[in-house]
Amino acid sequence: PSLLHAWDAGINFLFFAGTTLLAFLFVQRLL
């Protein structure tokens, strides 16, 4: 909620989409 207030919703969802992509790459390459 704080991030949503400070920035636009699009930026927040892009940030979380980026972290999800990093988690996906971690699983694909290292596990």
PDB file of all heavy atoms in Angstrom:
ATOM      1  N   PRO A   1       0.814  -1.231   0.000  1.00  0.00           N
ATOM      2  CA  PRO A   1       0.000   0.000   0.000  1.00  0.00           C
ATOM      3  C   PRO A   1       0.846   1.280   0.000  1.00  0.00           C
ATOM      4  O   PRO A   1       0.499   2.249  -0.674  1.00  0.00           O
ATOM      5  CB  PRO A   1      -0.827  -0.107   1.281  1.00  0.00           C
ATOM      6  CG  PRO A   1      -0.890  -1.564   1.564  1.00  0.00           C
ATOM      7  CD  PRO A   1       0.432  -2.116   1.104  1.00  0.00           C
ATOM      8  N   SER A   2       1.958   1.271   0.714  1.00  0.00           N
ATOM      9  CA  SER A   2       2.833   2.448   0.726  1.00  0.00           C
ATOM     10  C   SER A   2       3.455   2.680  -0.644  1.00  0.00           C
ATOM     11  O   SER A   2       3.548   3.822  -1.110  1.00  0.00           O
ATOM     12  CB  SER A   2       3.943   2.283   1.766  1.00  0.00           C
ATOM     13  OG  SER A   2       3.395   2.135   3.040  1.00  0.00           O
ATOM     14  N   LEU A   3       3.897   1.597  -1.281  1.00  0.00           N
ATOM     15  CA  LEU A   3       4.469   1.727  -2.616  1.00  0.00           C
ATOM     16  C   LEU A   3       3.414   2.171  -3.625  1.00  0.00           C
ATOM     17  O   LEU A   3       3.698   2.945  -4.537  1.00  0.00           O
ATOM     18  CB  LEU A   3       5.089   0.399  -3.058  1.00  0.00           C
ATOM     19  CG  LEU A   3       6.319  -0.070  -2.301  1.00  0.00           C
ATOM     20  CD1 LEU A   3       6.743  -1.450  -2.799  1.00  0.00           C
ATOM     21  CD2 LEU A   3       7.455   0.922  -2.446  1.00  0.00           C
ATOM     22  N   LEU A   4       2.214   1.683  -3.463  1.00  0.00           N
ATOM     23  CA  LEU A   4       1.124   2.066  -4.357  1.00  0.00           C
ATOM     24  C   LEU A   4       0.826   3.556  -4.237  1.00  0.00           C
ATOM     25  O   LEU A   4       0.563   4.231  -5.237  1.00  0.00           O
ATOM     26  CB  LEU A   4      -0.121   1.238  -4.035  1.00  0.00           C
ATOM     27  CG  LEU A   4      -1.262   1.274  -5.031  1.00  0.00           C
ATOM     28  CD1 LEU A   4      -0.791   0.802  -6.396  1.00  0.00           C
ATOM     29  CD2 LEU A   4      -2.407   0.411  -4.531  1.00  0.00           C
ATOM     30  N   HIS A   5       0.894   4.070  -3.022  1.00  0.00           N
ATOM     31  CA  HIS A   5       0.663   5.498  -2.798  1.00  0.00           C
ATOM     32  C   HIS A   5       1.828   6.336  -3.337  1.00  0.00           C
ATOM     33  O   HIS A   5       1.612   7.408  -3.895  1.00  0.00           O
ATOM     34  CB  HIS A   5       0.459   5.773  -1.302  1.00  0.00           C
ATOM     35  CG  HIS A   5       0.192   7.195  -0.980  1.00  0.00           C
ATOM     36  ND1 HIS A   5      -0.988   7.819  -1.332  1.00  0.00           N
ATOM     37  CD2 HIS A   5       0.940   8.130  -0.355  1.00  0.00           C
ATOM     38  CE1 HIS A   5      -0.937   9.079  -0.942  1.00  0.00           C
ATOM     39  NE2 HIS A   5       0.224   9.291  -0.332  1.00  0.00           N
ATOM     40  N   ALA A   6       3.052   5.853  -3.163  1.00  0.00           N
ATOM     41  CA  ALA A   6       4.234   6.612  -3.590  1.00  0.00           C
ATOM     42  C   ALA A   6       4.411   6.596  -5.105  1.00  0.00           C
ATOM     43  O   ALA A   6       4.819   7.608  -5.687  1.00  0.00           O
ATOM     44  CB  ALA A   6       5.478   6.058  -2.910  1.00  0.00           C
ATOM     45  N   TRP A   7       4.132   5.474  -5.744  1.00  0.00           N
ATOM     46  CA  TRP A   7       4.302   5.336  -7.184  1.00  0.00           C
ATOM     47  C   TRP A   7       2.991   4.897  -7.814  1.00  0.00           C
ATOM     48  O   TRP A   7       2.044   4.538  -7.132  1.00  0.00           O
ATOM     49  CB  TRP A   7       5.383   4.301  -7.524  1.00  0.00           C
ATOM     50  CG  TRP A   7       6.741   4.681  -7.036  1.00  0.00           C
ATOM     51  CD1 TRP A   7       7.340   5.904  -7.109  1.00  0.00           C
ATOM     52  CD2 TRP A   7       7.687   3.826  -6.387  1.00  0.00           C
ATOM     53  NE1 TRP A   7       8.584   5.861  -6.554  1.00  0.00           N
ATOM     54  CE2 TRP A   7       8.822   4.605  -6.112  1.00  0.00           C
ATOM     55  CE3 TRP A   7       7.670   2.490  -6.021  1.00  0.00           C
ATOM     56  CZ2 TRP A   7       9.946   4.079  -5.483  1.00  0.00           C
ATOM     57  CZ3 TRP A   7       8.782   1.974  -5.409  1.00  0.00           C
ATOM     58  CH2 TRP A   7       9.908   2.758  -5.147  1.00  0.00           C
ATOM     59  N   ASP A   8       2.995   4.836  -9.105  1.00  0.00           N
ATOM     60  CA  ASP A   8       1.820   4.378  -9.830  1.00  0.00           C
ATOM     61  C   ASP A   8       1.680   2.861  -9.698  1.00  0.00           C
ATOM     62  O   ASP A   8       2.648   2.156  -9.435  1.00  0.00           O
ATOM     63  CB  ASP A   8       1.983   4.767 -11.303  1.00  0.00           C
ATOM     64  CG  ASP A   8       0.725   4.560 -12.108  1.00  0.00           C
ATOM     65  OD1 ASP A   8      -0.366   4.587 -11.522  1.00  0.00           O
ATOM     66  OD2 ASP A   8       0.846   4.359 -13.335  1.00  0.00           O
ATOM     67  N   ALA A   9       0.478   2.355  -9.897  1.00  0.00           N
ATOM     68  CA  ALA A   9       0.236   0.912  -9.799  1.00  0.00           C
ATOM     69  C   ALA A   9       1.052   0.146 -10.828  1.00  0.00           C
ATOM     70  O   ALA A   9       1.545  -0.950 -10.544  1.00  0.00           O
ATOM     71  CB  ALA A   9      -1.247   0.621  -9.977  1.00  0.00           C
ATOM     72  N   GLY A  10       1.211   0.701 -12.014  1.00  0.00           N
ATOM     73  CA  GLY A  10       1.961   0.024 -13.069  1.00  0.00           C
ATOM     74  C   GLY A  10       3.403  -0.245 -12.677  1.00  0.00           C
ATOM     75  O   GLY A  10       3.934  -1.329 -12.929  1.00  0.00           O
ATOM     76  N   ILE A  11       4.042   0.719 -12.053  1.00  0.00           N
ATOM     77  CA  ILE A  11       5.435   0.554 -11.627  1.00  0.00           C
ATOM     78  C   ILE A  11       5.542  -0.533 -10.558  1.00  0.00           C
ATOM     79  O   ILE A  11       6.451  -1.356 -10.582  1.00  0.00           O
ATOM     80  CB  ILE A  11       6.013   1.894 -11.118  1.00  0.00           C
ATOM     81  CG1 ILE A  11       6.115   2.884 -12.280  1.00  0.00           C
ATOM     82  CG2 ILE A  11       7.363   1.706 -10.450  1.00  0.00           C
ATOM     83  CD1 ILE A  11       6.504   4.284 -11.884  1.00  0.00           C
ATOM     84  N   ASN A  12       4.596  -0.537  -9.625  1.00  0.00           N
ATOM     85  CA  ASN A  12       4.610  -1.561  -8.581  1.00  0.00           C
ATOM     86  C   ASN A  12       4.448  -2.957  -9.165  1.00  0.00           C
ATOM     87  O   ASN A  12       5.163  -3.886  -8.784  1.00  0.00           O
ATOM     88  CB  ASN A  12       3.501  -1.298  -7.569  1.00  0.00           C
ATOM     89  CG  ASN A  12       3.875  -0.193  -6.623  1.00  0.00           C
ATOM     90  OD1 ASN A  12       4.910  -0.261  -5.978  1.00  0.00           O
ATOM     91  ND2 ASN A  12       3.045   0.828  -6.560  1.00  0.00           N
ATOM     92  N   PHE A  13       3.511  -3.110 -10.079  1.00  0.00           N
ATOM     93  CA  PHE A  13       3.295  -4.427 -10.656  1.00  0.00           C
ATOM     94  C   PHE A  13       4.464  -4.843 -11.539  1.00  0.00           C
ATOM     95  O   PHE A  13       4.802  -6.029 -11.604  1.00  0.00           O
ATOM     96  CB  PHE A  13       1.964  -4.484 -11.401  1.00  0.00           C
ATOM     97  CG  PHE A  13       0.792  -4.566 -10.465  1.00  0.00           C
ATOM     98  CD1 PHE A  13      -0.058  -3.489 -10.305  1.00  0.00           C
ATOM     99  CD2 PHE A  13       0.560  -5.711  -9.718  1.00  0.00           C
ATOM    100  CE1 PHE A  13      -1.117  -3.558  -9.423  1.00  0.00           C
ATOM    101  CE2 PHE A  13      -0.500  -5.790  -8.839  1.00  0.00           C
ATOM    102  CZ  PHE A  13      -1.346  -4.709  -8.688  1.00  0.00           C
ATOM    103  N   LEU A  14       5.114  -3.900 -12.199  1.00  0.00           N
ATOM    104  CA  LEU A  14       6.326  -4.228 -12.959  1.00  0.00           C
ATOM    105  C   LEU A  14       7.439  -4.696 -12.028  1.00  0.00           C
ATOM    106  O   LEU A  14       8.178  -5.634 -12.337  1.00  0.00           O
ATOM    107  CB  LEU A  14       6.799  -3.025 -13.779  1.00  0.00           C
ATOM    108  CG  LEU A  14       6.061  -2.780 -15.082  1.00  0.00           C
ATOM    109  CD1 LEU A  14       6.543  -1.476 -15.729  1.00  0.00           C
ATOM    110  CD2 LEU A  14       6.261  -3.939 -16.033  1.00  0.00           C
ATOM    111  N   PHE A  15       7.574  -4.036 -10.874  1.00  0.00           N
ATOM    112  CA  PHE A  15       8.582  -4.444  -9.902  1.00  0.00           C
ATOM    113  C   PHE A  15       8.337  -5.881  -9.441  1.00  0.00           C
ATOM    114  O   PHE A  15       9.250  -6.713  -9.433  1.00  0.00           O
ATOM    115  CB  PHE A  15       8.582  -3.490  -8.698  1.00  0.00           C
ATOM    116  CG  PHE A  15       9.405  -3.984  -7.552  1.00  0.00           C
ATOM    117  CD1 PHE A  15      10.786  -3.926  -7.603  1.00  0.00           C
ATOM    118  CD2 PHE A  15       8.797  -4.523  -6.431  1.00  0.00           C
ATOM    119  CE1 PHE A  15      11.559  -4.394  -6.542  1.00  0.00           C
ATOM    120  CE2 PHE A  15       9.560  -4.987  -5.365  1.00  0.00           C
ATOM    121  CZ  PHE A  15      10.936  -4.922  -5.427  1.00  0.00           C
ATOM    122  N   PHE A  16       7.086  -6.191  -9.083  1.00  0.00           N
ATOM    123  CA  PHE A  16       6.781  -7.544  -8.612  1.00  0.00           C
ATOM    124  C   PHE A  16       6.857  -8.566  -9.747  1.00  0.00           C
ATOM    125  O   PHE A  16       7.234  -9.714  -9.523  1.00  0.00           O
ATOM    126  CB  PHE A  16       5.428  -7.579  -7.906  1.00  0.00           C
ATOM    127  CG  PHE A  16       5.476  -6.913  -6.550  1.00  0.00           C
ATOM    128  CD1 PHE A  16       4.829  -5.720  -6.316  1.00  0.00           C
ATOM    129  CD2 PHE A  16       6.197  -7.492  -5.512  1.00  0.00           C
ATOM    130  CE1 PHE A  16       4.894  -5.110  -5.073  1.00  0.00           C
ATOM    131  CE2 PHE A  16       6.265  -6.900  -4.269  1.00  0.00           C
ATOM    132  CZ  PHE A  16       5.613  -5.699  -4.050  1.00  0.00           C
ATOM    133  N   ALA A  17       6.533  -8.160 -10.968  1.00  0.00           N
ATOM    134  CA  ALA A  17       6.700  -9.052 -12.115  1.00  0.00           C
ATOM    135  C   ALA A  17       8.181  -9.341 -12.342  1.00  0.00           C
ATOM    136  O   ALA A  17       8.567 -10.474 -12.662  1.00  0.00           O
ATOM    137  CB  ALA A  17       6.082  -8.440 -13.367  1.00  0.00           C
ATOM    138  N   GLY A  18       9.030  -8.339 -12.155  1.00  0.00           N
ATOM    139  CA  GLY A  18      10.479  -8.542 -12.288  1.00  0.00           C
ATOM    140  C   GLY A  18      11.026  -9.489 -11.243  1.00  0.00           C
ATOM    141  O   GLY A  18      11.848 -10.364 -11.550  1.00  0.00           O
ATOM    142  N   THR A  19      10.565  -9.361 -10.005  1.00  0.00           N
ATOM    143  CA  THR A  19      11.030 -10.286  -8.969  1.00  0.00           C
ATOM    144  C   THR A  19      10.525 -11.699  -9.235  1.00  0.00           C
ATOM    145  O   THR A  19      11.229 -12.674  -8.964  1.00  0.00           O
ATOM    146  CB  THR A  19      10.597  -9.827  -7.563  1.00  0.00           C
ATOM    147  OG1 THR A  19       9.182  -9.703  -7.521  1.00  0.00           O
ATOM    148  CG2 THR A  19      11.239  -8.500  -7.188  1.00  0.00           C
ATOM    149  N   THR A  20       9.325 -11.819  -9.797  1.00  0.00           N
ATOM    150  CA  THR A  20       8.807 -13.134 -10.162  1.00  0.00           C
ATOM    151  C   THR A  20       9.639 -13.744 -11.282  1.00  0.00           C
ATOM    152  O   THR A  20       9.939 -14.945 -11.266  1.00  0.00           O
ATOM    153  CB  THR A  20       7.328 -13.031 -10.580  1.00  0.00           C
ATOM    154  OG1 THR A  20       6.586 -12.483  -9.487  1.00  0.00           O
ATOM    155  CG2 THR A  20       6.758 -14.383 -10.955  1.00  0.00           C
ATOM    156  N   LEU A  21      10.043 -12.932 -12.250  1.00  0.00           N
ATOM    157  CA  LEU A  21      10.906 -13.419 -13.331  1.00  0.00           C
ATOM    158  C   LEU A  21      12.254 -13.893 -12.780  1.00  0.00           C
ATOM    159  O   LEU A  21      12.755 -14.950 -13.188  1.00  0.00           O
ATOM    160  CB  LEU A  21      11.123 -12.326 -14.374  1.00  0.00           C
ATOM    161  CG  LEU A  21      12.067 -12.685 -15.522  1.00  0.00           C
ATOM    162  CD1 LEU A  21      11.494 -13.815 -16.365  1.00  0.00           C
ATOM    163  CD2 LEU A  21      12.340 -11.466 -16.366  1.00  0.00           C
ATOM    164  N   LEU A  22      12.823 -13.147 -11.852  1.00  0.00           N
ATOM    165  CA  LEU A  22      14.083 -13.574 -11.233  1.00  0.00           C
ATOM    166  C   LEU A  22      13.912 -14.903 -10.488  1.00  0.00           C
ATOM    167  O   LEU A  22      14.790 -15.773 -10.553  1.00  0.00           O
ATOM    168  CB  LEU A  22      14.604 -12.495 -10.286  1.00  0.00           C
ATOM    169  CG  LEU A  22      15.107 -11.219 -10.937  1.00  0.00           C
ATOM    170  CD1 LEU A  22      15.482 -10.182  -9.877  1.00  0.00           C
ATOM    171  CD2 LEU A  22      16.283 -11.500 -11.854  1.00  0.00           C
ATOM    172  N   ALA A  23      12.815 -15.069  -9.795  1.00  0.00           N
ATOM    173  CA  ALA A  23      12.558 -16.332  -9.091  1.00  0.00           C
ATOM    174  C   ALA A  23      12.416 -17.479 -10.088  1.00  0.00           C
ATOM    175  O   ALA A  23      12.942 -18.575  -9.859  1.00  0.00           O
ATOM    176  CB  ALA A  23      11.294 -16.215  -8.235  1.00  0.00           C
ATOM    177  N   PHE A  24      11.746 -17.231 -11.203  1.00  0.00           N
ATOM    178  CA  PHE A  24      11.593 -18.257 -12.233  1.00  0.00           C
ATOM    179  C   PHE A  24      12.948 -18.671 -12.791  1.00  0.00           C
ATOM    180  O   PHE A  24      13.233 -19.867 -12.949  1.00  0.00           O
ATOM    181  CB  PHE A  24      10.693 -17.729 -13.359  1.00  0.00           C
ATOM    182  CG  PHE A  24      10.578 -18.675 -14.519  1.00  0.00           C
ATOM    183  CD1 PHE A  24       9.770 -19.792 -14.440  1.00  0.00           C
ATOM    184  CD2 PHE A  24      11.284 -18.433 -15.685  1.00  0.00           C
ATOM    185  CE1 PHE A  24       9.663 -20.664 -15.511  1.00  0.00           C
ATOM    186  CE2 PHE A  24      11.182 -19.294 -16.762  1.00  0.00           C
ATOM    187  CZ  PHE A  24      10.373 -20.412 -16.677  1.00  0.00           C
ATOM    188  N   LEU A  25      13.810 -17.696 -13.083  1.00  0.00           N
ATOM    189  CA  LEU A  25      15.146 -18.003 -13.608  1.00  0.00           C
ATOM    190  C   LEU A  25      15.973 -18.781 -12.587  1.00  0.00           C
ATOM    191  O   LEU A  25      16.714 -19.696 -12.943  1.00  0.00           O
ATOM    192  CB  LEU A  25      15.863 -16.725 -14.021  1.00  0.00           C
ATOM    193  CG  LEU A  25      15.254 -15.995 -15.222  1.00  0.00           C
ATOM    194  CD1 LEU A  25      15.943 -14.650 -15.439  1.00  0.00           C
ATOM    195  CD2 LEU A  25      15.306 -16.859 -16.465  1.00  0.00           C
ATOM    196  N   PHE A  26      15.848 -18.424 -11.313  1.00  0.00           N
ATOM    197  CA  PHE A  26      16.544 -19.147 -10.258  1.00  0.00           C
ATOM    198  C   PHE A  26      16.131 -20.612 -10.244  1.00  0.00           C
ATOM    199  O   PHE A  26      16.978 -21.511 -10.203  1.00  0.00           O
ATOM    200  CB  PHE A  26      16.247 -18.487  -8.900  1.00  0.00           C
ATOM    201  CG  PHE A  26      16.752 -19.276  -7.731  1.00  0.00           C
ATOM    202  CD1 PHE A  26      18.076 -19.224  -7.366  1.00  0.00           C
ATOM    203  CD2 PHE A  26      15.891 -20.076  -6.998  1.00  0.00           C
ATOM    204  CE1 PHE A  26      18.551 -19.961  -6.287  1.00  0.00           C
ATOM    205  CE2 PHE A  26      16.345 -20.814  -5.920  1.00  0.00           C
ATOM    206  CZ  PHE A  26      17.683 -20.757  -5.567  1.00  0.00           C
ATOM    207  N   VAL A  27      14.834 -20.854 -10.309  1.00  0.00           N
ATOM    208  CA  VAL A  27      14.331 -22.231 -10.283  1.00  0.00           C
ATOM    209  C   VAL A  27      14.804 -22.990 -11.511  1.00  0.00           C
ATOM    210  O   VAL A  27      15.270 -24.135 -11.414  1.00  0.00           O
ATOM    211  CB  VAL A  27      12.788 -22.244 -10.178  1.00  0.00           C
ATOM    212  CG1 VAL A  27      12.226 -23.627 -10.431  1.00  0.00           C
ATOM    213  CG2 VAL A  27      12.356 -21.738  -8.813  1.00  0.00           C
ATOM    214  N   GLN A  28      14.717 -22.387 -12.682  1.00  0.00           N
ATOM    215  CA  GLN A  28      15.092 -23.062 -13.922  1.00  0.00           C
ATOM    216  C   GLN A  28      16.574 -23.414 -13.984  1.00  0.00           C
ATOM    217  O   GLN A  28      16.957 -24.443 -14.519  1.00  0.00           O
ATOM    218  CB  GLN A  28      14.726 -22.200 -15.133  1.00  0.00           C
ATOM    219  CG  GLN A  28      13.259 -22.176 -15.420  1.00  0.00           C
ATOM    220  CD  GLN A  28      12.746 -23.545 -15.808  1.00  0.00           C
ATOM    221  OE1 GLN A  28      13.328 -24.248 -16.606  1.00  0.00           O
ATOM    222  NE2 GLN A  28      11.630 -23.932 -15.223  1.00  0.00           N
ATOM    223  N   ARG A  29      17.416 -22.554 -13.447  1.00  0.00           N
ATOM    224  CA  ARG A  29      18.858 -22.737 -13.617  1.00  0.00           C
ATOM    225  C   ARG A  29      19.568 -23.399 -12.444  1.00  0.00           C
ATOM    226  O   ARG A  29      20.587 -24.049 -12.633  1.00  0.00           O
ATOM    227  CB  ARG A  29      19.516 -21.396 -13.913  1.00  0.00           C
ATOM    228  CG  ARG A  29      19.036 -20.820 -15.226  1.00  0.00           C
ATOM    229  CD  ARG A  29      19.709 -19.519 -15.540  1.00  0.00           C
ATOM    230  NE  ARG A  29      19.113 -18.932 -16.710  1.00  0.00           N
ATOM    231  CZ  ARG A  29      19.606 -19.055 -17.934  1.00  0.00           C
ATOM    232  NH1 ARG A  29      20.688 -19.747 -18.127  1.00  0.00           N
ATOM    233  NH2 ARG A  29      19.019 -18.485 -18.950  1.00  0.00           N
ATOM    234  N   LEU A  30      19.053 -23.235 -11.228  1.00  0.00           N
ATOM    235  CA  LEU A  30      19.823 -23.665 -10.067  1.00  0.00           C
ATOM    236  C   LEU A  30      19.219 -24.812  -9.257  1.00  0.00           C
ATOM    237  O   LEU A  30      19.943 -25.453  -8.498  1.00  0.00           O
ATOM    238  CB  LEU A  30      20.073 -22.470  -9.141  1.00  0.00           C
ATOM    239  CG  LEU A  30      20.896 -21.339  -9.758  1.00  0.00           C
ATOM    240  CD1 LEU A  30      21.008 -20.185  -8.782  1.00  0.00           C
ATOM    241  CD2 LEU A  30      22.265 -21.824 -10.177  1.00  0.00           C
ATOM    242  N   LEU A  31      17.942 -25.060  -9.392  1.00  0.00           N
ATOM    243  CA  LEU A  31      17.349 -26.123  -8.588  1.00  0.00           C
ATOM    244  C   LEU A  31      17.392 -27.446  -9.345  1.00  0.00           C
ATOM    245  O   LEU A  31      17.155 -27.489 -10.544  1.00  0.00           O
ATOM    246  CB  LEU A  31      15.910 -25.788  -8.211  1.00  0.00           C
ATOM    247  CG  LEU A  31      15.748 -24.600  -7.274  1.00  0.00           C
ATOM    248  CD1 LEU A  31      14.282 -24.401  -6.936  1.00  0.00           C
ATOM    249  CD2 LEU A  31      16.553 -24.768  -6.008  1.00  0.00           C
TER     250      LEU A  31
END
